[in-house]
Amino acid sequence: MTGNVVAIKNFAFSPATLKVKAGTTVTWTNQDTDAHTVTSAGSGGPLHSAALATHATYSYTFTKPGTYAYLCTIHPFMTGTVEVA
């Protein structure tokens, strides 16, 4: 996959770190048979997906520069980061 897409497969986010410019929409696609979420790490973050079934997607447009850490609340060992310039 290319562009601003994060695959959720084998209980991991791929790529684990994605670098984008402000104003970019990032889409996560669940390729696992288990459900996963895309949820900001810590309180007050912008990412709050529902549980994503197989082939479901979640998109978010990053408007402010910063580093956005996230995880799967079902499987908290699954973590990722979006770096927005």
PDB file of N, CA and C in Angstrom:
ATOM      1  N   MET A   1       0.843  -1.183   0.000  1.00  0.00           N
ATOM      2  CA  MET A   1       0.000   0.000   0.000  1.00  0.00           C
ATOM      3  C   MET A   1       0.886   1.243   0.000  1.00  0.00           C
ATOM      4  N   THR A   2       0.397   2.256  -0.634  1.00  0.00           N
ATOM      5  CA  THR A   2       1.163   3.488  -0.693  1.00  0.00           C
ATOM      6  C   THR A   2       0.299   4.647  -0.241  1.00  0.00           C
ATOM      7  N   GLY A   3       0.929   5.791  -0.115  1.00  0.00           N
ATOM      8  CA  GLY A   3       0.174   6.981   0.246  1.00  0.00           C
ATOM      9  C   GLY A   3      -0.100   7.052   1.727  1.00  0.00           C
ATOM     10  N   ASN A   4      -1.252   7.591   2.052  1.00  0.00           N
ATOM     11  CA  ASN A   4      -1.593   7.878   3.436  1.00  0.00           C
ATOM     12  C   ASN A   4      -2.511   6.804   3.995  1.00  0.00           C
ATOM     13  N   VAL A   5      -2.049   5.560   3.872  1.00  0.00           N
ATOM     14  CA  VAL A   5      -2.833   4.410   4.296  1.00  0.00           C
ATOM     15  C   VAL A   5      -2.029   3.622   5.323  1.00  0.00           C
ATOM     16  N   VAL A   6      -2.709   3.218   6.392  1.00  0.00           N
ATOM     17  CA  VAL A   6      -2.095   2.343   7.388  1.00  0.00           C
ATOM     18  C   VAL A   6      -2.872   1.033   7.372  1.00  0.00           C
ATOM     19  N   ALA A   7      -2.166  -0.058   7.124  1.00  0.00           N
ATOM     20  CA  ALA A   7      -2.792  -1.377   7.154  1.00  0.00           C
ATOM     21  C   ALA A   7      -2.748  -1.914   8.578  1.00  0.00           C
ATOM     22  N   ILE A   8      -3.833  -2.556   8.978  1.00  0.00           N
ATOM     23  CA  ILE A   8      -3.876  -3.251  10.265  1.00  0.00           C
ATOM     24  C   ILE A   8      -3.859  -4.733   9.926  1.00  0.00           C
ATOM     25  N   LYS A   9      -2.709  -5.372  10.147  1.00  0.00           N
ATOM     26  CA  LYS A   9      -2.591  -6.787   9.794  1.00  0.00           C
ATOM     27  C   LYS A   9      -1.598  -7.464  10.711  1.00  0.00           C
ATOM     28  N   ASN A  10      -1.840  -8.739  10.959  1.00  0.00           N
ATOM     29  CA  ASN A  10      -0.981  -9.527  11.847  1.00  0.00           C
ATOM     30  C   ASN A  10      -0.806  -8.839  13.201  1.00  0.00           C
ATOM     31  N   PHE A  11      -1.908  -8.252  13.693  1.00  0.00           N
ATOM     32  CA  PHE A  11      -1.909  -7.583  14.996  1.00  0.00           C
ATOM     33  C   PHE A  11      -0.841  -6.493  15.084  1.00  0.00           C
ATOM     34  N   ALA A  12      -0.732  -5.690  14.015  1.00  0.00           N
ATOM     35  CA  ALA A  12       0.209  -4.570  13.993  1.00  0.00           C
ATOM     36  C   ALA A  12      -0.302  -3.508  13.026  1.00  0.00           C
ATOM     37  N   PHE A  13       0.131  -2.269  13.263  1.00  0.00           N
ATOM     38  CA  PHE A  13      -0.138  -1.177  12.333  1.00  0.00           C
ATOM     39  C   PHE A  13       1.056  -1.063  11.398  1.00  0.00           C
ATOM     40  N   SER A  14       0.802  -1.010  10.093  1.00  0.00           N
ATOM     41  CA  SER A  14       1.880  -0.963   9.111  1.00  0.00           C
ATOM     42  C   SER A  14       1.616   0.149   8.098  1.00  0.00           C
ATOM     43  N   PRO A  15       2.468   1.183   8.026  1.00  0.00           N
ATOM     44  CA  PRO A  15       3.681   1.364   8.820  1.00  0.00           C
ATOM     45  C   PRO A  15       3.356   1.770  10.256  1.00  0.00           C
ATOM     46  N   ALA A  16       4.269   1.470  11.170  1.00  0.00           N
ATOM     47  CA  ALA A  16       4.059   1.828  12.576  1.00  0.00           C
ATOM     48  C   ALA A  16       4.157   3.335  12.772  1.00  0.00           C
ATOM     49  N   THR A  17       4.977   3.998  11.954  1.00  0.00           N
ATOM     50  CA  THR A  17       5.085   5.459  11.983  1.00  0.00           C
ATOM     51  C   THR A  17       4.836   5.984  10.579  1.00  0.00           C
ATOM     52  N   LEU A  18       3.894   6.911  10.466  1.00  0.00           N
ATOM     53  CA  LEU A  18       3.559   7.523   9.182  1.00  0.00           C
ATOM     54  C   LEU A  18       3.796   9.015   9.302  1.00  0.00           C
ATOM     55  N   LYS A  19       4.502   9.599   8.332  1.00  0.00           N
ATOM     56  CA  LYS A  19       4.772  11.039   8.331  1.00  0.00           C
ATOM     57  C   LYS A  19       3.950  11.686   7.222  1.00  0.00           C
ATOM     58  N   VAL A  20       3.160  12.700   7.596  1.00  0.00           N
ATOM     59  CA  VAL A  20       2.297  13.390   6.636  1.00  0.00           C
ATOM     60  C   VAL A  20       2.355  14.894   6.895  1.00  0.00           C
ATOM     61  N   LYS A  21       1.822  15.656   5.950  1.00  0.00           N
ATOM     62  CA  LYS A  21       1.700  17.101   6.114  1.00  0.00           C
ATOM     63  C   LYS A  21       0.333  17.433   6.692  1.00  0.00           C
ATOM     64  N   ALA A  22       0.235  18.562   7.388  1.00  0.00           N
ATOM     65  CA  ALA A  22      -1.047  19.015   7.929  1.00  0.00           C
ATOM     66  C   ALA A  22      -2.054  19.127   6.791  1.00  0.00           C
ATOM     67  N   GLY A  23      -3.293  18.754   7.060  1.00  0.00           N
ATOM     68  CA  GLY A  23      -4.339  18.749   6.046  1.00  0.00           C
ATOM     69  C   GLY A  23      -4.505  17.411   5.354  1.00  0.00           C
ATOM     70  N   THR A  24      -3.684  16.437   5.720  1.00  0.00           N
ATOM     71  CA  THR A  24      -3.713  15.115   5.100  1.00  0.00           C
ATOM     72  C   THR A  24      -4.714  14.209   5.812  1.00  0.00           C
ATOM     73  N   THR A  25      -5.466  13.457   5.013  1.00  0.00           N
ATOM     74  CA  THR A  25      -6.358  12.439   5.558  1.00  0.00           C
ATOM     75  C   THR A  25      -5.641  11.095   5.532  1.00  0.00           C
ATOM     76  N   VAL A  26      -5.626  10.433   6.674  1.00  0.00           N
ATOM     77  CA  VAL A  26      -5.023   9.105   6.793  1.00  0.00           C
ATOM     78  C   VAL A  26      -6.150   8.093   6.958  1.00  0.00           C
ATOM     79  N   THR A  27      -6.047   6.967   6.255  1.00  0.00           N
ATOM     80  CA  THR A  27      -7.054   5.912   6.339  1.00  0.00           C
ATOM     81  C   THR A  27      -6.410   4.630   6.845  1.00  0.00           C
ATOM     82  N   TRP A  28      -7.013   4.065   7.878  1.00  0.00           N
ATOM     83  CA  TRP A  28      -6.601   2.764   8.413  1.00  0.00           C
ATOM     84  C   TRP A  28      -7.554   1.713   7.863  1.00  0.00           C
ATOM     85  N   THR A  29      -7.023   0.569   7.427  1.00  0.00           N
ATOM     86  CA  THR A  29      -7.841  -0.527   6.913  1.00  0.00           C
ATOM     87  C   THR A  29      -7.508  -1.800   7.679  1.00  0.00           C
ATOM     88  N   ASN A  30      -8.527  -2.424   8.265  1.00  0.00           N
ATOM     89  CA  ASN A  30      -8.312  -3.657   9.020  1.00  0.00           C
ATOM     90  C   ASN A  30      -8.261  -4.844   8.068  1.00  0.00           C
ATOM     91  N   GLN A  31      -7.107  -5.498   8.008  1.00  0.00           N
ATOM     92  CA  GLN A  31      -6.938  -6.687   7.172  1.00  0.00           C
ATOM     93  C   GLN A  31      -6.892  -7.964   8.003  1.00  0.00           C
ATOM     94  N   ASP A  32      -7.095  -7.835   9.311  1.00  0.00           N
ATOM     95  CA  ASP A  32      -7.138  -9.008  10.184  1.00  0.00           C
ATOM     96  C   ASP A  32      -8.567  -9.536  10.289  1.00  0.00           C
ATOM     97  N   THR A  33      -8.701 -10.780  10.765  1.00  0.00           N
ATOM     98  CA  THR A  33     -10.036 -11.324  11.018  1.00  0.00           C
ATOM     99  C   THR A  33     -10.564 -10.867  12.369  1.00  0.00           C
ATOM    100  N   ASP A  34      -9.676 -10.430  13.271  1.00  0.00           N
ATOM    101  CA  ASP A  34     -10.090  -9.889  14.566  1.00  0.00           C
ATOM    102  C   ASP A  34     -10.410  -8.402  14.421  1.00  0.00           C
ATOM    103  N   ALA A  35     -11.306  -7.908  15.250  1.00  0.00           N
ATOM    104  CA  ALA A  35     -11.622  -6.481  15.262  1.00  0.00           C
ATOM    105  C   ALA A  35     -10.500  -5.704  15.940  1.00  0.00           C
ATOM    106  N   HIS A  36     -10.290  -4.466  15.484  1.00  0.00           N
ATOM    107  CA  HIS A  36      -9.290  -3.576  16.065  1.00  0.00           C
ATOM    108  C   HIS A  36      -9.863  -2.167  16.129  1.00  0.00           C
ATOM    109  N   THR A  37      -9.273  -1.330  16.987  1.00  0.00           N
ATOM    110  CA  THR A  37      -9.643   0.083  17.022  1.00  0.00           C
ATOM    111  C   THR A  37      -8.417   0.935  16.708  1.00  0.00           C
ATOM    112  N   VAL A  38      -8.684   2.182  16.346  1.00  0.00           N
ATOM    113  CA  VAL A  38      -7.651   3.206  16.204  1.00  0.00           C
ATOM    114  C   VAL A  38      -8.024   4.278  17.215  1.00  0.00           C
ATOM    115  N   THR A  39      -7.297   4.322  18.334  1.00  0.00           N
ATOM    116  CA  THR A  39      -7.659   5.188  19.452  1.00  0.00           C
ATOM    117  C   THR A  39      -6.430   5.942  19.940  1.00  0.00           C
ATOM    118  N   SER A  40      -6.566   7.245  20.109  1.00  0.00           N
ATOM    119  CA  SER A  40      -5.446   8.049  20.604  1.00  0.00           C
ATOM    120  C   SER A  40      -4.959   7.516  21.944  1.00  0.00           C
ATOM    121  N   ALA A  41      -3.641   7.484  22.104  1.00  0.00           N
ATOM    122  CA  ALA A  41      -3.051   7.119  23.390  1.00  0.00           C
ATOM    123  C   ALA A  41      -3.203   8.309  24.326  1.00  0.00           C
ATOM    124  N   GLY A  42      -3.593   8.063  25.552  1.00  0.00           N
ATOM    125  CA  GLY A  42      -3.814   9.154  26.486  1.00  0.00           C
ATOM    126  C   GLY A  42      -5.181   9.771  26.277  1.00  0.00           C
ATOM    127  N   SER A  43      -5.541  10.696  27.148  1.00  0.00           N
ATOM    128  CA  SER A  43      -6.873  11.292  27.062  1.00  0.00           C
ATOM    129  C   SER A  43      -6.852  12.524  26.175  1.00  0.00           C
ATOM    130  N   GLY A  44      -7.973  12.802  25.546  1.00  0.00           N
ATOM    131  CA  GLY A  44      -8.126  14.024  24.785  1.00  0.00           C
ATOM    132  C   GLY A  44      -7.606  13.993  23.370  1.00  0.00           C
ATOM    133  N   GLY A  45      -7.108  12.849  22.908  1.00  0.00           N
ATOM    134  CA  GLY A  45      -6.609  12.780  21.541  1.00  0.00           C
ATOM    135  C   GLY A  45      -7.743  12.704  20.540  1.00  0.00           C
ATOM    136  N   PRO A  46      -7.451  12.953  19.261  1.00  0.00           N
ATOM    137  CA  PRO A  46      -8.511  13.046  18.257  1.00  0.00           C
ATOM    138  C   PRO A  46      -8.982  11.719  17.664  1.00  0.00           C
ATOM    139  N   LEU A  47      -8.231  10.638  17.848  1.00  0.00           N
ATOM    140  CA  LEU A  47      -8.556   9.381  17.163  1.00  0.00           C
ATOM    141  C   LEU A  47      -9.445   8.507  18.038  1.00  0.00           C
ATOM    142  N   HIS A  48     -10.635   8.196  17.530  1.00  0.00           N
ATOM    143  CA  HIS A  48     -11.597   7.384  18.287  1.00  0.00           C
ATOM    144  C   HIS A  48     -12.430   6.559  17.309  1.00  0.00           C
ATOM    145  N   SER A  49     -11.879   5.486  16.778  1.00  0.00           N
ATOM    146  CA  SER A  49     -12.668   4.659  15.865  1.00  0.00           C
ATOM    147  C   SER A  49     -13.542   3.700  16.660  1.00  0.00           C
ATOM    148  N   ALA A  50     -14.564   3.229  16.015  1.00  0.00           N
ATOM    149  CA  ALA A  50     -15.313   2.092  16.541  1.00  0.00           C
ATOM    150  C   ALA A  50     -14.457   0.848  16.323  1.00  0.00           C
ATOM    151  N   ALA A  51     -14.908  -0.291  16.836  1.00  0.00           N
ATOM    152  CA  ALA A  51     -14.216  -1.547  16.541  1.00  0.00           C
ATOM    153  C   ALA A  51     -14.375  -1.823  15.048  1.00  0.00           C
ATOM    154  N   LEU A  52     -13.255  -1.986  14.369  1.00  0.00           N
ATOM    155  CA  LEU A  52     -13.263  -2.179  12.921  1.00  0.00           C
ATOM    156  C   LEU A  52     -13.281  -3.667  12.600  1.00  0.00           C
ATOM    157  N   ALA A  53     -14.301  -4.105  11.919  1.00  0.00           N
ATOM    158  CA  ALA A  53     -14.376  -5.488  11.458  1.00  0.00           C
ATOM    159  C   ALA A  53     -13.413  -5.668  10.284  1.00  0.00           C
ATOM    160  N   THR A  54     -13.262  -6.894   9.817  1.00  0.00           N
ATOM    161  CA  THR A  54     -12.398  -7.175   8.681  1.00  0.00           C
ATOM    162  C   THR A  54     -12.800  -6.314   7.490  1.00  0.00           C
ATOM    163  N   HIS A  55     -11.817  -5.681   6.864  1.00  0.00           N
ATOM    164  CA  HIS A  55     -11.961  -4.811   5.689  1.00  0.00           C
ATOM    165  C   HIS A  55     -12.606  -3.465   5.999  1.00  0.00           C
ATOM    166  N   ALA A  56     -12.961  -3.204   7.244  1.00  0.00           N
ATOM    167  CA  ALA A  56     -13.514  -1.895   7.594  1.00  0.00           C
ATOM    168  C   ALA A  56     -12.394  -0.861   7.606  1.00  0.00           C
ATOM    169  N   THR A  57     -12.771   0.408   7.392  1.00  0.00           N
ATOM    170  CA  THR A  57     -11.790   1.481   7.378  1.00  0.00           C
ATOM    171  C   THR A  57     -12.181   2.579   8.357  1.00  0.00           C
ATOM    172  N   TYR A  58     -11.183   3.361   8.737  1.00  0.00           N
ATOM    173  CA  TYR A  58     -11.380   4.549   9.577  1.00  0.00           C
ATOM    174  C   TYR A  58     -10.460   5.620   9.026  1.00  0.00           C
ATOM    175  N   SER A  59     -10.996   6.820   8.829  1.00  0.00           N
ATOM    176  CA  SER A  59     -10.192   7.920   8.298  1.00  0.00           C
ATOM    177  C   SER A  59     -10.233   9.109   9.242  1.00  0.00           C
ATOM    178  N   TYR A  60      -9.136   9.856   9.259  1.00  0.00           N
ATOM    179  CA  TYR A  60      -9.062  11.073  10.058  1.00  0.00           C
ATOM    180  C   TYR A  60      -8.173  12.065   9.321  1.00  0.00           C
ATOM    181  N   THR A  61      -8.599  13.326   9.282  1.00  0.00           N
ATOM    182  CA  THR A  61      -7.806  14.380   8.659  1.00  0.00           C
ATOM    183  C   THR A  61      -7.043  15.136   9.743  1.00  0.00           C
ATOM    184  N   PHE A  62      -5.723  15.122   9.634  1.00  0.00           N
ATOM    185  CA  PHE A  62      -4.862  15.795  10.604  1.00  0.00           C
ATOM    186  C   PHE A  62      -4.666  17.246  10.172  1.00  0.00           C
ATOM    187  N   THR A  63      -5.174  18.185  10.959  1.00  0.00           N
ATOM    188  CA  THR A  63      -5.107  19.599  10.597  1.00  0.00           C
ATOM    189  C   THR A  63      -4.008  20.354  11.330  1.00  0.00           C
ATOM    190  N   LYS A  64      -3.508  19.803  12.433  1.00  0.00           N
ATOM    191  CA  LYS A  64      -2.496  20.497  13.235  1.00  0.00           C
ATOM    192  C   LYS A  64      -1.222  19.671  13.297  1.00  0.00           C
ATOM    193  N   PRO A  65      -0.059  20.334  13.138  1.00  0.00           N
ATOM    194  CA  PRO A  65       1.212  19.616  13.274  1.00  0.00           C
ATOM    195  C   PRO A  65       1.362  19.029  14.675  1.00  0.00           C
ATOM    196  N   GLY A  66       2.083  17.929  14.744  1.00  0.00           N
ATOM    197  CA  GLY A  66       2.334  17.291  16.030  1.00  0.00           C
ATOM    198  C   GLY A  66       2.573  15.812  15.846  1.00  0.00           C
ATOM    199  N   THR A  67       2.794  15.133  16.958  1.00  0.00           N
ATOM    200  CA  THR A  67       2.977  13.687  16.962  1.00  0.00           C
ATOM    201  C   THR A  67       1.767  13.069  17.637  1.00  0.00           C
ATOM    202  N   TYR A  68       1.099  12.178  16.927  1.00  0.00           N
ATOM    203  CA  TYR A  68      -0.143  11.567  17.393  1.00  0.00           C
ATOM    204  C   TYR A  68       0.087  10.075  17.611  1.00  0.00           C
ATOM    205  N   ALA A  69       0.204   9.679  18.872  1.00  0.00           N
ATOM    206  CA  ALA A  69       0.371   8.265  19.214  1.00  0.00           C
ATOM    207  C   ALA A  69      -1.006   7.634  19.349  1.00  0.00           C
ATOM    208  N   TYR A  70      -1.130   6.394  18.901  1.00  0.00           N
ATOM    209  CA  TYR A  70      -2.415   5.702  18.992  1.00  0.00           C
ATOM    210  C   TYR A  70      -2.196   4.221  19.255  1.00  0.00           C
ATOM    211  N   LEU A  71      -3.290   3.545  19.609  1.00  0.00           N
ATOM    212  CA  LEU A  71      -3.231   2.115  19.901  1.00  0.00           C
ATOM    213  C   LEU A  71      -4.583   1.486  19.590  1.00  0.00           C
ATOM    214  N   CYS A  72      -4.603   0.169  19.682  1.00  0.00           N
ATOM    215  CA  CYS A  72      -5.849  -0.601  19.592  1.00  0.00           C
ATOM    216  C   CYS A  72      -6.293  -0.877  21.025  1.00  0.00           C
ATOM    217  N   THR A  73      -7.488  -0.431  21.396  1.00  0.00           N
ATOM    218  CA  THR A  73      -7.931  -0.636  22.777  1.00  0.00           C
ATOM    219  C   THR A  73      -8.250  -2.101  23.064  1.00  0.00           C
ATOM    220  N   ILE A  74      -8.502  -2.887  22.038  1.00  0.00           N
ATOM    221  CA  ILE A  74      -8.769  -4.316  22.223  1.00  0.00           C
ATOM    222  C   ILE A  74      -7.455  -5.066  22.447  1.00  0.00           C
ATOM    223  N   HIS A  75      -6.413  -4.646  21.745  1.00  0.00           N
ATOM    224  CA  HIS A  75      -5.084  -5.266  21.834  1.00  0.00           C
ATOM    225  C   HIS A  75      -4.074  -4.143  22.090  1.00  0.00           C
ATOM    226  N   PRO A  76      -3.908  -3.695  23.346  1.00  0.00           N
ATOM    227  CA  PRO A  76      -3.104  -2.495  23.635  1.00  0.00           C
ATOM    228  C   PRO A  76      -1.626  -2.587  23.270  1.00  0.00           C
ATOM    229  N   PHE A  77      -1.137  -3.777  22.977  1.00  0.00           N
ATOM    230  CA  PHE A  77       0.252  -3.907  22.528  1.00  0.00           C
ATOM    231  C   PHE A  77       0.422  -3.402  21.096  1.00  0.00           C
ATOM    232  N   MET A  78      -0.681  -3.201  20.396  1.00  0.00           N
ATOM    233  CA  MET A  78      -0.638  -2.671  19.033  1.00  0.00           C
ATOM    234  C   MET A  78      -0.586  -1.147  19.111  1.00  0.00           C
ATOM    235  N   THR A  79       0.540  -0.566  18.701  1.00  0.00           N
ATOM    236  CA  THR A  79       0.692   0.882  18.778  1.00  0.00           C
ATOM    237  C   THR A  79       1.209   1.437  17.456  1.00  0.00           C
ATOM    238  N   GLY A  80       0.952   2.715  17.250  1.00  0.00           N
ATOM    239  CA  GLY A  80       1.433   3.398  16.060  1.00  0.00           C
ATOM    240  C   GLY A  80       1.519   4.887  16.316  1.00  0.00           C
ATOM    241  N   THR A  81       2.130   5.591  15.365  1.00  0.00           N
ATOM    242  CA  THR A  81       2.308   7.036  15.485  1.00  0.00           C
ATOM    243  C   THR A  81       2.116   7.683  14.122  1.00  0.00           C
ATOM    244  N   VAL A  82       1.426   8.821  14.118  1.00  0.00           N
ATOM    245  CA  VAL A  82       1.371   9.675  12.932  1.00  0.00           C
ATOM    246  C   VAL A  82       2.094  10.963  13.289  1.00  0.00           C
ATOM    247  N   GLU A  83       3.101  11.311  12.476  1.00  0.00           N
ATOM    248  CA  GLU A  83       3.847  12.556  12.668  1.00  0.00           C
ATOM    249  C   GLU A  83       3.384  13.541  11.607  1.00  0.00           C
ATOM    250  N   VAL A  84       2.816  14.663  12.060  1.00  0.00           N
ATOM    251  CA  VAL A  84       2.250  15.657  11.152  1.00  0.00           C
ATOM    252  C   VAL A  84       3.143  16.893  11.159  1.00  0.00           C
ATOM    253  N   ALA A  85       3.621  17.284   9.969  1.00  0.00           N
ATOM    254  CA  ALA A  85       4.492  18.462   9.851  1.00  0.00           C
ATOM    255  C   ALA A  85       3.692  19.675   9.400  1.00  0.00           C
TER     256      ALA A  85
END
